[in-house]
Amino acid sequence: MYNNMPNKKTLIIIAVLVVVAAVAAVALVSYQHQRQNKIAKQPEKTAVNNGTGPLSLKSVDNSKLPANISQDMISEPGAEVLQNYEAANSGTKSQQSTRIFVIKKSLADTFSWYKDYFAKNGWTIIASIDQADLKALSAVKDSANLDININHNAASGQSTVNLSLSYPAATLVNTK
């Protein structure tokens, strides 16, 4: 006669496998719980953060100039504006105003225009890059820093100026 009952050895193996599976399940649940607690205890981070405070970003209508950027800083008035914004860092108490616009003049002519602008308006140039498809100037005046990046994007065919003015918060910048 054939006996369908598992033998004692098979029952022991099944019992051991059930115990191992139960221990593994408890360990997995414990690990997940510890991981969630660790994540919950971490401070919430802002999307943009330089380590000293969150950075807020405010778009500015393209028909207006960002704070402290004057019309005389724009090498080609009426140019197509690609980006226009103001940023503030609550940790360092600094602000930045940025305008990126398309230029029709050559990179060399625009670079020369900004060098003249800085000289005529009391800015001190502290850094300069003059390459074929990239030109940049960085200048300081009082507590402000004005960075000009002029480049040609071969993919889009556009030449642009990225004008960024950085300054301490609550400072009225004398940009003229």
Protein backbone atom coordinates (compact mmCIF):
# COMPACT_ATOMS: atom_id res chain seq x y z
CA MET A 1 0.00 0.00 0.00
CA TYR A 2 1.22 3.49 -0.90
CA ASN A 3 1.39 6.06 1.96
CA ASN A 4 0.68 9.73 1.00
CA MET A 5 1.86 11.00 4.37
CA PRO A 6 5.16 12.93 4.25
CA ASN A 7 7.90 11.38 6.24
CA LYS A 8 9.39 12.96 9.35
CA LYS A 9 12.44 14.33 7.47
CA THR A 10 10.28 16.16 4.92
CA LEU A 11 8.14 17.69 7.69
CA ILE A 12 11.25 18.99 9.45
CA ILE A 13 12.56 20.57 6.20
CA ILE A 14 9.20 22.26 5.57
CA ALA A 15 9.09 23.57 9.15
CA VAL A 16 12.62 24.96 8.88
CA LEU A 17 11.76 26.67 5.56
CA VAL A 18 8.63 28.25 7.11
CA VAL A 19 10.66 29.54 10.07
CA VAL A 20 13.39 30.94 7.76
CA ALA A 21 10.75 32.65 5.60
CA ALA A 22 9.09 34.15 8.69
CA VAL A 23 12.42 35.44 10.04
CA ALA A 24 13.26 36.94 6.63
CA ALA A 25 9.86 38.65 6.46
CA VAL A 26 10.28 40.12 9.97
CA ALA A 27 13.80 41.33 9.09
CA LEU A 28 12.55 42.96 5.88
CA VAL A 29 9.69 44.73 7.67
CA SER A 30 12.09 45.91 10.39
CA TYR A 31 14.57 47.23 7.80
CA GLN A 32 11.82 49.12 5.92
CA HIS A 33 10.56 50.63 9.18
CA GLN A 34 14.05 51.80 10.20
CA ARG A 35 14.64 53.26 6.73
CA GLN A 36 11.36 55.20 6.82
CA ASN A 37 12.17 56.58 10.28
CA LYS A 38 15.62 57.70 9.10
CA ILE A 39 14.12 59.48 6.07
CA ALA A 40 11.43 61.12 8.22
CA LYS A 41 14.07 62.51 10.62
CA GLN A 42 16.07 64.20 7.84
CA PRO A 43 15.41 67.93 7.45
CA GLU A 44 13.31 68.94 4.48
CA LYS A 45 15.39 70.36 1.66
CA THR A 46 14.43 72.99 -0.85
CA ALA A 47 14.83 72.12 -4.53
CA VAL A 48 17.69 74.60 -4.82
CA ASN A 49 20.03 75.03 -1.87
CA ASN A 50 23.64 76.15 -1.60
CA GLY A 51 24.06 74.71 1.87
CA THR A 52 23.42 77.96 3.75
CA GLY A 53 19.81 78.66 2.89
CA PRO A 54 17.04 78.07 0.40
CA LEU A 55 17.04 79.92 -2.86
CA SER A 56 13.81 81.49 -4.06
CA LEU A 57 13.28 82.26 -7.72
CA LYS A 58 10.82 84.79 -9.13
CA SER A 59 10.13 85.18 -12.84
CA VAL A 60 9.96 88.74 -14.13
CA ASP A 61 7.76 89.70 -17.05
CA ASN A 62 9.92 89.97 -20.19
CA SER A 63 8.71 93.52 -20.79
CA LYS A 64 10.24 94.62 -17.46
CA LEU A 65 13.78 94.62 -16.14
CA PRO A 66 14.73 92.59 -13.05
CA ALA A 67 15.63 94.55 -9.89
CA ASN A 68 18.70 96.80 -10.17
CA ILE A 69 19.29 96.04 -13.85
CA SER A 70 19.07 99.32 -15.72
CA GLN A 71 18.20 99.78 -19.38
CA ASP A 72 21.71 101.08 -20.11
CA MET A 73 23.10 97.62 -19.17
CA ILE A 74 21.34 96.03 -22.14
CA SER A 75 23.66 96.03 -25.18
CA GLU A 76 20.76 95.66 -27.63
CA PRO A 77 17.54 97.31 -26.40
CA GLY A 78 14.43 95.57 -27.73
CA ALA A 79 16.21 92.21 -28.09
CA GLU A 80 14.24 88.98 -27.66
CA VAL A 81 14.30 88.00 -23.98
CA LEU A 82 14.77 84.29 -23.26
CA GLN A 83 14.90 84.40 -19.45
CA ASN A 84 14.19 87.15 -16.94
CA TYR A 85 14.23 86.47 -13.20
CA GLU A 86 15.27 87.45 -9.69
CA ALA A 87 16.72 85.06 -7.13
CA ALA A 88 17.23 85.50 -3.39
CA ASN A 89 19.15 83.38 -0.91
CA SER A 90 17.70 83.69 2.58
CA GLY A 91 20.78 82.06 4.12
CA THR A 92 23.44 84.37 2.71
CA LYS A 93 21.06 87.34 2.36
CA SER A 94 22.17 87.83 -1.23
CA GLN A 95 20.18 88.50 -4.37
CA GLN A 96 20.69 88.04 -8.08
CA SER A 97 18.92 89.58 -11.05
CA THR A 98 19.33 87.88 -14.42
CA ARG A 99 18.28 88.65 -17.99
CA ILE A 100 19.20 86.43 -20.93
CA PHE A 101 18.58 87.86 -24.37
CA VAL A 102 19.34 87.19 -28.03
CA ILE A 103 21.83 89.45 -29.80
CA LYS A 104 22.19 90.30 -33.47
CA LYS A 105 25.66 91.86 -33.23
CA SER A 106 28.76 89.70 -33.26
CA LEU A 107 30.15 88.25 -30.05
CA ALA A 108 33.28 90.39 -30.47
CA ASP A 109 31.27 93.62 -30.88
CA THR A 110 29.10 92.79 -27.87
CA PHE A 111 32.17 91.90 -25.78
CA SER A 112 33.74 95.24 -26.71
CA TRP A 113 30.48 97.07 -25.90
CA TYR A 114 30.43 95.62 -22.37
CA LYS A 115 34.12 96.39 -21.78
CA ASP A 116 33.37 100.01 -22.71
CA TYR A 117 30.23 100.01 -20.56
CA PHE A 118 32.22 98.85 -17.51
CA ALA A 119 34.94 101.46 -18.06
CA LYS A 120 32.44 104.33 -18.52
CA ASN A 121 30.33 103.38 -15.51
CA GLY A 122 32.95 102.77 -12.81
CA TRP A 123 32.99 98.98 -12.84
CA THR A 124 36.29 97.11 -12.28
CA ILE A 125 36.78 94.06 -14.50
CA ILE A 126 38.09 91.18 -12.38
CA ALA A 127 37.91 88.32 -14.91
CA SER A 128 37.66 87.97 -18.66
CA ILE A 129 37.39 85.14 -21.22
CA ASP A 130 37.74 85.87 -24.93
CA GLN A 131 37.26 82.75 -27.10
CA ALA A 132 35.65 82.32 -30.51
CA ASP A 133 32.21 81.09 -29.35
CA LEU A 134 32.35 82.21 -25.71
CA LYS A 135 33.18 85.55 -24.18
CA ALA A 136 32.73 86.50 -20.55
CA LEU A 137 33.37 89.44 -18.26
CA SER A 138 33.02 89.71 -14.53
CA ALA A 139 33.14 93.14 -12.89
CA VAL A 140 32.63 94.61 -9.43
CA LYS A 141 31.37 97.95 -8.21
CA ASP A 142 30.72 98.74 -4.55
CA SER A 143 29.01 95.59 -3.22
CA ALA A 144 27.71 94.38 -6.59
CA ASN A 145 29.10 91.85 -9.07
CA LEU A 146 28.02 91.96 -12.73
CA ASP A 147 28.72 88.88 -14.86
CA ILE A 148 28.28 88.94 -18.62
CA ASN A 149 28.42 85.69 -20.61
CA ILE A 150 28.20 86.04 -24.38
CA ASN A 151 28.01 82.89 -26.46
CA HIS A 152 26.90 81.37 -29.72
CA ASN A 153 24.86 78.17 -29.67
CA ALA A 154 25.62 76.28 -32.88
CA ALA A 155 22.58 74.01 -32.42
CA SER A 156 20.05 76.84 -32.19
CA GLY A 157 22.05 79.30 -34.27
CA GLN A 158 21.43 82.00 -31.64
CA SER A 159 23.92 84.24 -29.95
CA THR A 160 22.94 85.33 -26.45
CA VAL A 161 23.98 87.49 -23.54
CA ASN A 162 23.47 86.22 -20.00
CA LEU A 163 23.60 89.28 -17.75
CA SER A 164 23.61 88.48 -14.01
CA LEU A 165 23.86 91.08 -11.29
CA SER A 166 24.57 89.77 -7.76
CA TYR A 167 24.38 91.91 -4.64
CA PRO A 168 23.65 91.74 -0.89
CA ALA A 169 19.96 91.78 0.01
CA ALA A 170 18.39 95.12 0.95
CA THR A 171 21.09 96.97 -0.94
CA LEU A 172 20.20 99.61 -3.45
CA VAL A 173 22.83 99.02 -6.10
CA ASN A 174 24.31 102.05 -7.86
CA THR A 175 24.69 100.47 -11.28
CA LYS A 176 25.41 103.73 -13.13
